[in-house]
Amino acid sequence: MIPVSPVQAYLASSATAVTSPMAPAAPGRISPAELQNLGASSGASGAAEPPAFGRLLDHFVTEVNGRQLQAREAVNDLLAGKNVSLHQTVIAMEEAQVSFQLMVEVRNKLLESYQELMRMQL
């Protein structure tokens, strides 16, 4: 597959550097095969499917939201007196916080990139 954009090229190279194409992806991660499917569908520009980059961002936001919900559930279970470890609850809260901070930083970088592109003179 020939990457369509620099972002896809970076994602494809980083994904192949971490995992082999034959290895299954860890839960919550995008496998190299899925990345190829994202690149292949972006050129087709189907009317029903959102663009590949949009789906990738949607995947990341959904993952962050899932971590937030897991942390909230762990805290609620702990407060309700259920058999939940305080240690696991704190870990879930920290994971949710770190993933949210990462998402905000990615958003800031994307916004900076967009503003930089808009300032370019043609």
PDB file of N, CA and C in Angstrom:
ATOM      1  N   MET A   1       0.834  -1.181   0.000  1.00  0.00           N
ATOM      2  CA  MET A   1       0.000   0.000   0.000  1.00  0.00           C
ATOM      3  C   MET A   1       0.872   1.235   0.000  1.00  0.00           C
ATOM      4  N   ILE A   2       0.519   2.186  -0.796  1.00  0.00           N
ATOM      5  CA  ILE A   2       1.227   3.462  -0.828  1.00  0.00           C
ATOM      6  C   ILE A   2       0.458   4.433   0.039  1.00  0.00           C
ATOM      7  N   PRO A   3       1.115   4.999   1.073  1.00  0.00           N
ATOM      8  CA  PRO A   3       0.404   5.942   1.947  1.00  0.00           C
ATOM      9  C   PRO A   3      -0.061   7.159   1.171  1.00  0.00           C
ATOM     10  N   VAL A   4      -1.245   7.628   1.491  1.00  0.00           N
ATOM     11  CA  VAL A   4      -1.850   8.748   0.791  1.00  0.00           C
ATOM     12  C   VAL A   4      -1.346  10.064   1.370  1.00  0.00           C
ATOM     13  N   SER A   5      -1.217  10.154   2.657  1.00  0.00           N
ATOM     14  CA  SER A   5      -0.816  11.400   3.292  1.00  0.00           C
ATOM     15  C   SER A   5       0.379  11.154   4.200  1.00  0.00           C
ATOM     16  N   PRO A   6       1.072  12.216   4.623  1.00  0.00           N
ATOM     17  CA  PRO A   6       2.182  12.044   5.555  1.00  0.00           C
ATOM     18  C   PRO A   6       1.746  11.425   6.876  1.00  0.00           C
ATOM     19  N   VAL A   7       0.522  11.722   7.320  1.00  0.00           N
ATOM     20  CA  VAL A   7       0.032  11.148   8.577  1.00  0.00           C
ATOM     21  C   VAL A   7      -0.120   9.647   8.427  1.00  0.00           C
ATOM     22  N   GLN A   8      -0.677   9.202   7.312  1.00  0.00           N
ATOM     23  CA  GLN A   8      -0.831   7.769   7.094  1.00  0.00           C
ATOM     24  C   GLN A   8       0.532   7.098   6.967  1.00  0.00           C
ATOM     25  N   ALA A   9       1.489   7.774   6.322  1.00  0.00           N
ATOM     26  CA  ALA A   9       2.830   7.216   6.195  1.00  0.00           C
ATOM     27  C   ALA A   9       3.456   7.040   7.563  1.00  0.00           C
ATOM     28  N   TYR A  10       3.277   8.046   8.426  1.00  0.00           N
ATOM     29  CA  TYR A  10       3.836   7.947   9.778  1.00  0.00           C
ATOM     30  C   TYR A  10       3.163   6.839  10.559  1.00  0.00           C
ATOM     31  N   LEU A  11       1.842   6.768  10.486  1.00  0.00           N
ATOM     32  CA  LEU A  11       1.124   5.742  11.227  1.00  0.00           C
ATOM     33  C   LEU A  11       1.491   4.359  10.726  1.00  0.00           C
ATOM     34  N   ALA A  12       1.625   4.201   9.415  1.00  0.00           N
ATOM     35  CA  ALA A  12       1.972   2.900   8.861  1.00  0.00           C
ATOM     36  C   ALA A  12       3.380   2.503   9.272  1.00  0.00           C
ATOM     37  N   SER A  13       4.327   3.435   9.256  1.00  0.00           N
ATOM     38  CA  SER A  13       5.699   3.095   9.635  1.00  0.00           C
ATOM     39  C   SER A  13       5.808   2.812  11.118  1.00  0.00           C
ATOM     40  N   SER A  14       5.104   3.553  11.952  1.00  0.00           N
ATOM     41  CA  SER A  14       5.176   3.305  13.394  1.00  0.00           C
ATOM     42  C   SER A  14       4.474   2.014  13.759  1.00  0.00           C
ATOM     43  N   ALA A  15       3.401   1.677  13.066  1.00  0.00           N
ATOM     44  CA  ALA A  15       2.696   0.442  13.361  1.00  0.00           C
ATOM     45  C   ALA A  15       3.517  -0.760  12.956  1.00  0.00           C
ATOM     46  N   THR A  16       4.213  -0.703  11.845  1.00  0.00           N
ATOM     47  CA  THR A  16       5.012  -1.835  11.427  1.00  0.00           C
ATOM     48  C   THR A  16       6.284  -1.941  12.244  1.00  0.00           C
ATOM     49  N   ALA A  17       6.731  -0.835  12.817  1.00  0.00           N
ATOM     50  CA  ALA A  17       7.931  -0.887  13.646  1.00  0.00           C
ATOM     51  C   ALA A  17       7.649  -1.550  14.984  1.00  0.00           C
ATOM     52  N   VAL A  18       6.450  -1.423  15.489  1.00  0.00           N
ATOM     53  CA  VAL A  18       6.122  -1.971  16.799  1.00  0.00           C
ATOM     54  C   VAL A  18       5.683  -3.418  16.698  1.00  0.00           C
ATOM     55  N   THR A  19       4.827  -3.728  15.742  1.00  0.00           N
ATOM     56  CA  THR A  19       4.319  -5.084  15.608  1.00  0.00           C
ATOM     57  C   THR A  19       4.563  -5.582  14.199  1.00  0.00           C
ATOM     58  N   SER A  20       4.698  -6.856  14.082  1.00  0.00           N
ATOM     59  CA  SER A  20       4.845  -7.434  12.762  1.00  0.00           C
ATOM     60  C   SER A  20       3.468  -7.514  12.112  1.00  0.00           C
ATOM     61  N   PRO A  21       3.408  -7.587  10.793  1.00  0.00           N
ATOM     62  CA  PRO A  21       2.105  -7.627  10.128  1.00  0.00           C
ATOM     63  C   PRO A  21       1.313  -8.886  10.459  1.00  0.00           C
ATOM     64  N   MET A  22       1.977  -9.947  10.833  1.00  0.00           N
ATOM     65  CA  MET A  22       1.276 -11.188  11.108  1.00  0.00           C
ATOM     66  C   MET A  22       0.786 -11.258  12.547  1.00  0.00           C
ATOM     67  N   ALA A  23       1.362 -10.442  13.429  1.00  0.00           N
ATOM     68  CA  ALA A  23       0.982 -10.492  14.839  1.00  0.00           C
ATOM     69  C   ALA A  23      -0.356  -9.801  15.049  1.00  0.00           C
ATOM     70  N   PRO A  24      -1.239 -10.396  15.851  1.00  0.00           N
ATOM     71  CA  PRO A  24      -2.499  -9.719  16.132  1.00  0.00           C
ATOM     72  C   PRO A  24      -2.259  -8.496  17.001  1.00  0.00           C
ATOM     73  N   ALA A  25      -3.056  -7.474  16.797  1.00  0.00           N
ATOM     74  CA  ALA A  25      -2.909  -6.241  17.568  1.00  0.00           C
ATOM     75  C   ALA A  25      -3.456  -6.449  18.968  1.00  0.00           C
ATOM     76  N   ALA A  26      -2.874  -5.715  19.914  1.00  0.00           N
ATOM     77  CA  ALA A  26      -3.359  -5.769  21.289  1.00  0.00           C
ATOM     78  C   ALA A  26      -4.726  -5.111  21.345  1.00  0.00           C
ATOM     79  N   PRO A  27      -5.532  -5.489  22.327  1.00  0.00           N
ATOM     80  CA  PRO A  27      -6.850  -4.860  22.432  1.00  0.00           C
ATOM     81  C   PRO A  27      -6.716  -3.353  22.599  1.00  0.00           C
ATOM     82  N   GLY A  28      -7.536  -2.610  21.888  1.00  0.00           N
ATOM     83  CA  GLY A  28      -7.503  -1.160  21.963  1.00  0.00           C
ATOM     84  C   GLY A  28      -6.511  -0.526  21.014  1.00  0.00           C
ATOM     85  N   ARG A  29      -5.783  -1.343  20.234  1.00  0.00           N
ATOM     86  CA  ARG A  29      -4.811  -0.810  19.283  1.00  0.00           C
ATOM     87  C   ARG A  29      -5.259  -1.145  17.871  1.00  0.00           C
ATOM     88  N   ILE A  30      -4.744  -0.380  16.932  1.00  0.00           N
ATOM     89  CA  ILE A  30      -5.082  -0.593  15.532  1.00  0.00           C
ATOM     90  C   ILE A  30      -4.005  -1.457  14.913  1.00  0.00           C
ATOM     91  N   SER A  31      -4.410  -2.548  14.300  1.00  0.00           N
ATOM     92  CA  SER A  31      -3.461  -3.453  13.666  1.00  0.00           C
ATOM     93  C   SER A  31      -3.015  -2.867  12.331  1.00  0.00           C
ATOM     94  N   PRO A  32      -1.872  -3.313  11.811  1.00  0.00           N
ATOM     95  CA  PRO A  32      -1.425  -2.839  10.496  1.00  0.00           C
ATOM     96  C   PRO A  32      -2.441  -3.131   9.400  1.00  0.00           C
ATOM     97  N   ALA A  33      -3.161  -4.241   9.500  1.00  0.00           N
ATOM     98  CA  ALA A  33      -4.176  -4.553   8.491  1.00  0.00           C
ATOM     99  C   ALA A  33      -5.298  -3.518   8.519  1.00  0.00           C
ATOM    100  N   GLU A  34      -5.681  -3.084   9.717  1.00  0.00           N
ATOM    101  CA  GLU A  34      -6.713  -2.055   9.828  1.00  0.00           C
ATOM    102  C   GLU A  34      -6.233  -0.724   9.255  1.00  0.00           C
ATOM    103  N   LEU A  35      -4.929  -0.432   9.460  1.00  0.00           N
ATOM    104  CA  LEU A  35      -4.378   0.795   8.896  1.00  0.00           C
ATOM    105  C   LEU A  35      -4.417   0.758   7.378  1.00  0.00           C
ATOM    106  N   GLN A  36      -4.129  -0.425   6.816  1.00  0.00           N
ATOM    107  CA  GLN A  36      -4.185  -0.536   5.362  1.00  0.00           C
ATOM    108  C   GLN A  36      -5.611  -0.337   4.872  1.00  0.00           C
ATOM    109  N   ASN A  37      -6.571  -0.867   5.628  1.00  0.00           N
ATOM    110  CA  ASN A  37      -7.963  -0.680   5.241  1.00  0.00           C
ATOM    111  C   ASN A  37      -8.360   0.789   5.320  1.00  0.00           C
ATOM    112  N   LEU A  38      -7.826   1.511   6.317  1.00  0.00           N
ATOM    113  CA  LEU A  38      -8.122   2.932   6.435  1.00  0.00           C
ATOM    114  C   LEU A  38      -7.591   3.684   5.232  1.00  0.00           C
ATOM    115  N   GLY A  39      -6.368   3.357   4.811  1.00  0.00           N
ATOM    116  CA  GLY A  39      -5.778   4.025   3.663  1.00  0.00           C
ATOM    117  C   GLY A  39      -6.488   3.682   2.377  1.00  0.00           C
ATOM    118  N   ALA A  40      -6.917   2.430   2.251  1.00  0.00           N
ATOM    119  CA  ALA A  40      -7.587   2.005   1.019  1.00  0.00           C
ATOM    120  C   ALA A  40      -8.942   2.670   0.880  1.00  0.00           C
ATOM    121  N   SER A  41      -9.645   2.821   1.965  1.00  0.00           N
ATOM    122  CA  SER A  41     -10.982   3.400   1.878  1.00  0.00           C
ATOM    123  C   SER A  41     -10.955   4.909   1.738  1.00  0.00           C
ATOM    124  N   SER A  42      -9.820   5.562   2.104  1.00  0.00           N
ATOM    125  CA  SER A  42      -9.774   7.016   1.998  1.00  0.00           C
ATOM    126  C   SER A  42      -9.753   7.469   0.546  1.00  0.00           C
ATOM    127  N   GLY A  43      -9.202   6.663  -0.330  1.00  0.00           N
ATOM    128  CA  GLY A  43      -9.170   7.040  -1.731  1.00  0.00           C
ATOM    129  C   GLY A  43     -10.514   6.855  -2.403  1.00  0.00           C
ATOM    130  N   ALA A  44     -11.327   5.961  -1.869  1.00  0.00           N
ATOM    131  CA  ALA A  44     -12.605   5.688  -2.500  1.00  0.00           C
ATOM    132  C   ALA A  44     -13.601   6.800  -2.229  1.00  0.00           C
ATOM    133  N   SER A  45     -13.472   7.486  -1.092  1.00  0.00           N
ATOM    134  CA  SER A  45     -14.363   8.565  -0.666  1.00  0.00           C
ATOM    135  C   SER A  45     -15.833   8.175  -0.802  1.00  0.00           C
ATOM    136  N   GLY A  46     -16.164   7.073  -0.138  1.00  0.00           N
ATOM    137  CA  GLY A  46     -17.546   6.611  -0.158  1.00  0.00           C
ATOM    138  C   GLY A  46     -18.449   7.585   0.550  1.00  0.00           C
ATOM    139  N   ALA A  47     -19.689   7.644   0.133  1.00  0.00           N
ATOM    140  CA  ALA A  47     -20.609   8.604   0.705  1.00  0.00           C
ATOM    141  C   ALA A  47     -21.057   8.195   2.102  1.00  0.00           C
ATOM    142  N   ALA A  48     -21.140   6.883   2.372  1.00  0.00           N
ATOM    143  CA  ALA A  48     -21.649   6.418   3.649  1.00  0.00           C
ATOM    144  C   ALA A  48     -20.581   6.438   4.734  1.00  0.00           C
ATOM    145  N   GLU A  49     -19.313   6.210   4.385  1.00  0.00           N
ATOM    146  CA  GLU A  49     -18.259   6.125   5.390  1.00  0.00           C
ATOM    147  C   GLU A  49     -17.582   7.475   5.568  1.00  0.00           C
ATOM    148  N   PRO A  50     -17.249   7.831   6.822  1.00  0.00           N
ATOM    149  CA  PRO A  50     -16.483   9.057   7.030  1.00  0.00           C
ATOM    150  C   PRO A  50     -15.054   8.834   6.557  1.00  0.00           C
ATOM    151  N   PRO A  51     -14.284   9.891   6.346  1.00  0.00           N
ATOM    152  CA  PRO A  51     -12.901   9.743   5.909  1.00  0.00           C
ATOM    153  C   PRO A  51     -12.088   8.935   6.916  1.00  0.00           C
ATOM    154  N   ALA A  52     -11.000   8.323   6.424  1.00  0.00           N
ATOM    155  CA  ALA A  52     -10.195   7.438   7.253  1.00  0.00           C
ATOM    156  C   ALA A  52      -9.619   8.174   8.464  1.00  0.00           C
ATOM    157  N   PHE A  53      -9.160   9.391   8.269  1.00  0.00           N
ATOM    158  CA  PHE A  53      -8.582  10.131   9.383  1.00  0.00           C
ATOM    159  C   PHE A  53      -9.647  10.420  10.433  1.00  0.00           C
ATOM    160  N   GLY A  54     -10.838  10.687   9.995  1.00  0.00           N
ATOM    161  CA  GLY A  54     -11.944  10.925  10.922  1.00  0.00           C
ATOM    162  C   GLY A  54     -12.269   9.676  11.725  1.00  0.00           C
ATOM    163  N   ARG A  55     -12.228   8.525  11.053  1.00  0.00           N
ATOM    164  CA  ARG A  55     -12.496   7.284  11.782  1.00  0.00           C
ATOM    165  C   ARG A  55     -11.395   6.996  12.788  1.00  0.00           C
ATOM    166  N   LEU A  56     -10.148   7.316  12.408  1.00  0.00           N
ATOM    167  CA  LEU A  56      -9.028   7.112  13.325  1.00  0.00           C
ATOM    168  C   LEU A  56      -9.196   7.983  14.564  1.00  0.00           C
ATOM    169  N   LEU A  57      -9.554   9.245  14.372  1.00  0.00           N
ATOM    170  CA  LEU A  57      -9.779  10.126  15.520  1.00  0.00           C
ATOM    171  C   LEU A  57     -10.970   9.656  16.340  1.00  0.00           C
ATOM    172  N   ASP A  58     -12.003   9.201  15.664  1.00  0.00           N
ATOM    173  CA  ASP A  58     -13.171   8.684  16.370  1.00  0.00           C
ATOM    174  C   ASP A  58     -12.793   7.479  17.223  1.00  0.00           C
ATOM    175  N   HIS A  59     -11.923   6.631  16.694  1.00  0.00           N
ATOM    176  CA  HIS A  59     -11.464   5.464  17.449  1.00  0.00           C
ATOM    177  C   HIS A  59     -10.727   5.900  18.719  1.00  0.00           C
ATOM    178  N   PHE A  60      -9.849   6.895  18.586  1.00  0.00           N
ATOM    179  CA  PHE A  60      -9.085   7.360  19.744  1.00  0.00           C
ATOM    180  C   PHE A  60      -9.994   8.012  20.785  1.00  0.00           C
ATOM    181  N   VAL A  61     -10.948   8.817  20.344  1.00  0.00           N
ATOM    182  CA  VAL A  61     -11.857   9.477  21.288  1.00  0.00           C
ATOM    183  C   VAL A  61     -12.727   8.433  21.985  1.00  0.00           C
ATOM    184  N   THR A  62     -13.169   7.442  21.247  1.00  0.00           N
ATOM    185  CA  THR A  62     -13.977   6.378  21.849  1.00  0.00           C
ATOM    186  C   THR A  62     -13.174   5.618  22.898  1.00  0.00           C
ATOM    187  N   GLU A  63     -11.894   5.383  22.609  1.00  0.00           N
ATOM    188  CA  GLU A  63     -11.048   4.679  23.568  1.00  0.00           C
ATOM    189  C   GLU A  63     -10.861   5.503  24.845  1.00  0.00           C
ATOM    190  N   VAL A  64     -10.649   6.803  24.696  1.00  0.00           N
ATOM    191  CA  VAL A  64     -10.494   7.677  25.873  1.00  0.00           C
ATOM    192  C   VAL A  64     -11.794   7.707  26.665  1.00  0.00           C
ATOM    193  N   ASN A  65     -12.903   7.784  25.967  1.00  0.00           N
ATOM    194  CA  ASN A  65     -14.198   7.789  26.654  1.00  0.00           C
ATOM    195  C   ASN A  65     -14.416   6.482  27.416  1.00  0.00           C
ATOM    196  N   GLY A  66     -14.000   5.373  26.838  1.00  0.00           N
ATOM    197  CA  GLY A  66     -14.127   4.086  27.519  1.00  0.00           C
ATOM    198  C   GLY A  66     -13.318   4.036  28.811  1.00  0.00           C
ATOM    199  N   ARG A  67     -12.112   4.615  28.749  1.00  0.00           N
ATOM    200  CA  ARG A  67     -11.288   4.649  29.973  1.00  0.00           C
ATOM    201  C   ARG A  67     -11.934   5.538  31.036  1.00  0.00           C
ATOM    202  N   GLN A  68     -12.522   6.645  30.612  1.00  0.00           N
ATOM    203  CA  GLN A  68     -13.198   7.524  31.566  1.00  0.00           C
ATOM    204  C   GLN A  68     -14.371   6.800  32.230  1.00  0.00           C
ATOM    205  N   LEU A  69     -15.122   6.068  31.430  1.00  0.00           N
ATOM    206  CA  LEU A  69     -16.270   5.343  31.978  1.00  0.00           C
ATOM    207  C   LEU A  69     -15.838   4.232  32.926  1.00  0.00           C
ATOM    208  N   GLN A  70     -14.748   3.544  32.572  1.00  0.00           N
ATOM    209  CA  GLN A  70     -14.229   2.491  33.457  1.00  0.00           C
ATOM    210  C   GLN A  70     -13.786   3.079  34.795  1.00  0.00           C
ATOM    211  N   ALA A  71     -13.115   4.223  34.751  1.00  0.00           N
ATOM    212  CA  ALA A  71     -12.655   4.857  35.992  1.00  0.00           C
ATOM    213  C   ALA A  71     -13.841   5.293  36.836  1.00  0.00           C
ATOM    214  N   ARG A  72     -14.860   5.853  36.193  1.00  0.00           N
ATOM    215  CA  ARG A  72     -16.048   6.286  36.934  1.00  0.00           C
ATOM    216  C   ARG A  72     -16.750   5.095  37.578  1.00  0.00           C
ATOM    217  N   GLU A  73     -16.837   4.010  36.841  1.00  0.00           N
ATOM    218  CA  GLU A  73     -17.476   2.819  37.385  1.00  0.00           C
ATOM    219  C   GLU A  73     -16.685   2.253  38.564  1.00  0.00           C
ATOM    220  N   ALA A  74     -15.353   2.272  38.458  1.00  0.00           N
ATOM    221  CA  ALA A  74     -14.522   1.773  39.548  1.00  0.00           C
ATOM    222  C   ALA A  74     -14.688   2.628  40.796  1.00  0.00           C
ATOM    223  N   VAL A  75     -14.756   3.946  40.610  1.00  0.00           N
ATOM    224  CA  VAL A  75     -14.933   4.841  41.762  1.00  0.00           C
ATOM    225  C   VAL A  75     -16.305   4.625  42.388  1.00  0.00           C
ATOM    226  N   ASN A  76     -17.332   4.513  41.545  1.00  0.00           N
ATOM    227  CA  ASN A  76     -18.677   4.292  42.075  1.00  0.00           C
ATOM    228  C   ASN A  76     -18.778   2.965  42.826  1.00  0.00           C
ATOM    229  N   ASP A  77     -18.131   1.920  42.309  1.00  0.00           N
ATOM    230  CA  ASP A  77     -18.133   0.626  42.991  1.00  0.00           C
ATOM    231  C   ASP A  77     -17.401   0.710  44.321  1.00  0.00           C
ATOM    232  N   LEU A  78     -16.295   1.454  44.329  1.00  0.00           N
ATOM    233  CA  LEU A  78     -15.544   1.606  45.583  1.00  0.00           C
ATOM    234  C   LEU A  78     -16.367   2.367  46.613  1.00  0.00           C
ATOM    235  N   LEU A  79     -17.038   3.430  46.167  1.00  0.00           N
ATOM    236  CA  LEU A  79     -17.861   4.216  47.086  1.00  0.00           C
ATOM    237  C   LEU A  79     -19.072   3.431  47.588  1.00  0.00           C
ATOM    238  N   ALA A  80     -19.565   2.519  46.763  1.00  0.00           N
ATOM    239  CA  ALA A  80     -20.723   1.716  47.152  1.00  0.00           C
ATOM    240  C   ALA A  80     -20.341   0.577  48.088  1.00  0.00           C
ATOM    241  N   GLY A  81     -19.044   0.386  48.307  1.00  0.00           N
ATOM    242  CA  GLY A  81     -18.605  -0.644  49.226  1.00  0.00           C
ATOM    243  C   GLY A  81     -18.459  -2.018  48.596  1.00  0.00           C
ATOM    244  N   LYS A  82     -18.453  -2.062  47.279  1.00  0.00           N
ATOM    245  CA  LYS A  82     -18.261  -3.344  46.600  1.00  0.00           C
ATOM    246  C   LYS A  82     -16.815  -3.788  46.760  1.00  0.00           C
ATOM    247  N   ASN A  83     -16.562  -5.028  46.405  1.00  0.00           N
ATOM    248  CA  ASN A  83     -15.232  -5.612  46.562  1.00  0.00           C
ATOM    249  C   ASN A  83     -14.335  -5.160  45.411  1.00  0.00           C
ATOM    250  N   VAL A  84     -13.882  -3.897  45.488  1.00  0.00           N
ATOM    251  CA  VAL A  84     -13.010  -3.320  44.469  1.00  0.00           C
ATOM    252  C   VAL A  84     -11.760  -2.828  45.181  1.00  0.00           C
ATOM    253  N   SER A  85     -10.621  -3.131  44.599  1.00  0.00           N
ATOM    254  CA  SER A  85      -9.352  -2.735  45.184  1.00  0.00           C
ATOM    255  C   SER A  85      -9.138  -1.230  45.009  1.00  0.00           C
ATOM    256  N   LEU A  86      -8.698  -0.588  46.064  1.00  0.00           N
ATOM    257  CA  LEU A  86      -8.373   0.845  45.993  1.00  0.00           C
ATOM    258  C   LEU A  86      -7.245   1.070  44.995  1.00  0.00           C
ATOM    259  N   HIS A  87      -6.290   0.140  44.989  1.00  0.00           N
ATOM    260  CA  HIS A  87      -5.152   0.233  44.079  1.00  0.00           C
ATOM    261  C   HIS A  87      -5.624   0.220  42.624  1.00  0.00           C
ATOM    262  N   GLN A  88      -6.504  -0.701  42.257  1.00  0.00           N
ATOM    263  CA  GLN A  88      -6.996  -0.798  40.881  1.00  0.00           C
ATOM    264  C   GLN A  88      -7.836   0.429  40.508  1.00  0.00           C
ATOM    265  N   THR A  89      -8.561   0.955  41.474  1.00  0.00           N
ATOM    266  CA  THR A  89      -9.365   2.151  41.217  1.00  0.00           C
ATOM    267  C   THR A  89      -8.473   3.345  40.909  1.00  0.00           C
ATOM    268  N   VAL A  90      -7.417   3.513  41.684  1.00  0.00           N
ATOM    269  CA  VAL A  90      -6.501   4.633  41.447  1.00  0.00           C
ATOM    270  C   VAL A  90      -5.797   4.460  40.112  1.00  0.00           C
ATOM    271  N   ILE A  91      -5.423   3.227  39.778  1.00  0.00           N
ATOM    272  CA  ILE A  91      -4.778   2.980  38.480  1.00  0.00           C
ATOM    273  C   ILE A  91      -5.737   3.328  37.345  1.00  0.00           C
ATOM    274  N   ALA A  92      -6.995   2.944  37.458  1.00  0.00           N
ATOM    275  CA  ALA A  92      -7.982   3.255  36.419  1.00  0.00           C
ATOM    276  C   ALA A  92      -8.159   4.761  36.279  1.00  0.00           C
ATOM    277  N   MET A  93      -8.179   5.471  37.405  1.00  0.00           N
ATOM    278  CA  MET A  93      -8.321   6.929  37.352  1.00  0.00           C
ATOM    279  C   MET A  93      -7.107   7.576  36.689  1.00  0.00           C
ATOM    280  N   GLU A  94      -5.914   7.098  37.011  1.00  0.00           N
ATOM    281  CA  GLU A  94      -4.702   7.657  36.414  1.00  0.00           C
ATOM    282  C   GLU A  94      -4.637   7.364  34.921  1.00  0.00           C
ATOM    283  N   GLU A  95      -5.024   6.146  34.522  1.00  0.00           N
ATOM    284  CA  GLU A  95      -5.036   5.812  33.099  1.00  0.00           C
ATOM    285  C   GLU A  95      -6.005   6.719  32.346  1.00  0.00           C
ATOM    286  N   ALA A  96      -7.151   6.956  32.938  1.00  0.00           N
ATOM    287  CA  ALA A  96      -8.133   7.826  32.302  1.00  0.00           C
ATOM    288  C   ALA A  96      -7.606   9.251  32.189  1.00  0.00           C
ATOM    289  N   GLN A  97      -6.944   9.724  33.227  1.00  0.00           N
ATOM    290  CA  GLN A  97      -6.411  11.079  33.208  1.00  0.00           C
ATOM    291  C   GLN A  97      -5.296  11.231  32.174  1.00  0.00           C
ATOM    292  N   VAL A  98      -4.389  10.256  32.128  1.00  0.00           N
ATOM    293  CA  VAL A  98      -3.276  10.330  31.183  1.00  0.00           C
ATOM    294  C   VAL A  98      -3.784  10.236  29.742  1.00  0.00           C
ATOM    295  N   SER A  99      -4.739   9.344  29.497  1.00  0.00           N
ATOM    296  CA  SER A  99      -5.254   9.220  28.134  1.00  0.00           C
ATOM    297  C   SER A  99      -5.995  10.494  27.723  1.00  0.00           C
ATOM    298  N   PHE A 100      -6.692  11.131  28.657  1.00  0.00           N
ATOM    299  CA  PHE A 100      -7.376  12.384  28.332  1.00  0.00           C
ATOM    300  C   PHE A 100      -6.368  13.493  28.039  1.00  0.00           C
ATOM    301  N   GLN A 101      -5.314  13.567  28.840  1.00  0.00           N
ATOM    302  CA  GLN A 101      -4.280  14.578  28.598  1.00  0.00           C
ATOM    303  C   GLN A 101      -3.616  14.364  27.245  1.00  0.00           C
ATOM    304  N   LEU A 102      -3.385  13.094  26.892  1.00  0.00           N
ATOM    305  CA  LEU A 102      -2.797  12.803  25.589  1.00  0.00           C
ATOM    306  C   LEU A 102      -3.727  13.247  24.474  1.00  0.00           C
ATOM    307  N   MET A 103      -5.005  12.974  24.622  1.00  0.00           N
ATOM    308  CA  MET A 103      -5.964  13.376  23.602  1.00  0.00           C
ATOM    309  C   MET A 103      -5.991  14.903  23.447  1.00  0.00           C
ATOM    310  N   VAL A 104      -5.924  15.626  24.550  1.00  0.00           N
ATOM    311  CA  VAL A 104      -5.926  17.091  24.479  1.00  0.00           C
ATOM    312  C   VAL A 104      -4.653  17.594  23.794  1.00  0.00           C
ATOM    313  N   GLU A 105      -3.514  16.968  24.095  1.00  0.00           N
ATOM    314  CA  GLU A 105      -2.269  17.381  23.448  1.00  0.00           C
ATOM    315  C   GLU A 105      -2.294  17.099  21.955  1.00  0.00           C
ATOM    316  N   VAL A 106      -2.842  15.969  21.562  1.00  0.00           N
ATOM    317  CA  VAL A 106      -2.966  15.660  20.131  1.00  0.00           C
ATOM    318  C   VAL A 106      -3.871  16.680  19.459  1.00  0.00           C
ATOM    319  N   ARG A 107      -4.965  17.033  20.115  1.00  0.00           N
ATOM    320  CA  ARG A 107      -5.865  18.047  19.571  1.00  0.00           C
ATOM    321  C   ARG A 107      -5.145  19.378  19.407  1.00  0.00           C
ATOM    322  N   ASN A 108      -4.354  19.763  20.423  1.00  0.00           N
ATOM    323  CA  ASN A 108      -3.616  21.024  20.342  1.00  0.00           C
ATOM    324  C   ASN A 108      -2.622  21.015  19.184  1.00  0.00           C
ATOM    325  N   LYS A 109      -1.930  19.894  18.992  1.00  0.00           N
ATOM    326  CA  LYS A 109      -0.966  19.804  17.888  1.00  0.00           C
ATOM    327  C   LYS A 109      -1.677  19.851  16.547  1.00  0.00           C
ATOM    328  N   LEU A 110      -2.801  19.177  16.437  1.00  0.00           N
ATOM    329  CA  LEU A 110      -3.559  19.227  15.187  1.00  0.00           C
ATOM    330  C   LEU A 110      -4.042  20.638  14.902  1.00  0.00           C
ATOM    331  N   LEU A 111      -4.495  21.323  15.926  1.00  0.00           N
ATOM    332  CA  LEU A 111      -4.965  22.692  15.755  1.00  0.00           C
ATOM    333  C   LEU A 111      -3.822  23.615  15.359  1.00  0.00           C
ATOM    334  N   GLU A 112      -2.659  23.445  15.997  1.00  0.00           N
ATOM    335  CA  GLU A 112      -1.484  24.240  15.617  1.00  0.00           C
ATOM    336  C   GLU A 112      -1.090  23.973  14.172  1.00  0.00           C
ATOM    337  N   SER A 113      -1.137  22.717  13.761  1.00  0.00           N
ATOM    338  CA  SER A 113      -0.794  22.371  12.378  1.00  0.00           C
ATOM    339  C   SER A 113      -1.759  23.007  11.401  1.00  0.00           C
ATOM    340  N   TYR A 114      -3.026  22.966  11.720  1.00  0.00           N
ATOM    341  CA  TYR A 114      -4.032  23.575  10.861  1.00  0.00           C
ATOM    342  C   TYR A 114      -3.803  25.077  10.746  1.00  0.00           C
ATOM    343  N   GLN A 115      -3.532  25.727  11.878  1.00  0.00           N
ATOM    344  CA  GLN A 115      -3.291  27.172  11.844  1.00  0.00           C
ATOM    345  C   GLN A 115      -2.031  27.505  11.060  1.00  0.00           C
ATOM    346  N   GLU A 116      -1.024  26.654  11.177  1.00  0.00           N
ATOM    347  CA  GLU A 116       0.210  26.871  10.412  1.00  0.00           C
ATOM    348  C   GLU A 116      -0.061  26.739   8.911  1.00  0.00           C
ATOM    349  N   LEU A 117      -0.861  25.772   8.544  1.00  0.00           N
ATOM    350  CA  LEU A 117      -1.214  25.611   7.126  1.00  0.00           C
ATOM    351  C   LEU A 117      -1.997  26.811   6.614  1.00  0.00           C
ATOM    352  N   MET A 118      -2.880  27.351   7.453  1.00  0.00           N
ATOM    353  CA  MET A 118      -3.671  28.498   7.028  1.00  0.00           C
ATOM    354  C   MET A 118      -2.823  29.754   6.877  1.00  0.00           C
ATOM    355  N   ARG A 119      -1.706  29.833   7.583  1.00  0.00           N
ATOM    356  CA  ARG A 119      -0.817  30.997   7.480  1.00  0.00           C
ATOM    357  C   ARG A 119       0.115  30.922   6.269  1.00  0.00           C
ATOM    358  N   MET A 120       0.232  29.739   5.672  1.00  0.00           N
ATOM    359  CA  MET A 120       1.129  29.577   4.525  1.00  0.00           C
ATOM    360  C   MET A 120       0.637  30.402   3.344  1.00  0.00           C
ATOM    361  N   GLN A 121       1.584  31.026   2.697  1.00  0.00           N
ATOM    362  CA  GLN A 121       1.244  31.783   1.505  1.00  0.00           C
ATOM    363  C   GLN A 121       1.506  30.917   0.291  1.00  0.00           C
ATOM    364  N   LEU A 122       0.588  30.939  -0.610  1.00  0.00           N
ATOM    365  CA  LEU A 122       0.725  30.128  -1.830  1.00  0.00           C
ATOM    366  C   LEU A 122       1.292  30.928  -2.966  1.00  0.00           C
TER     367      LEU A 122
END
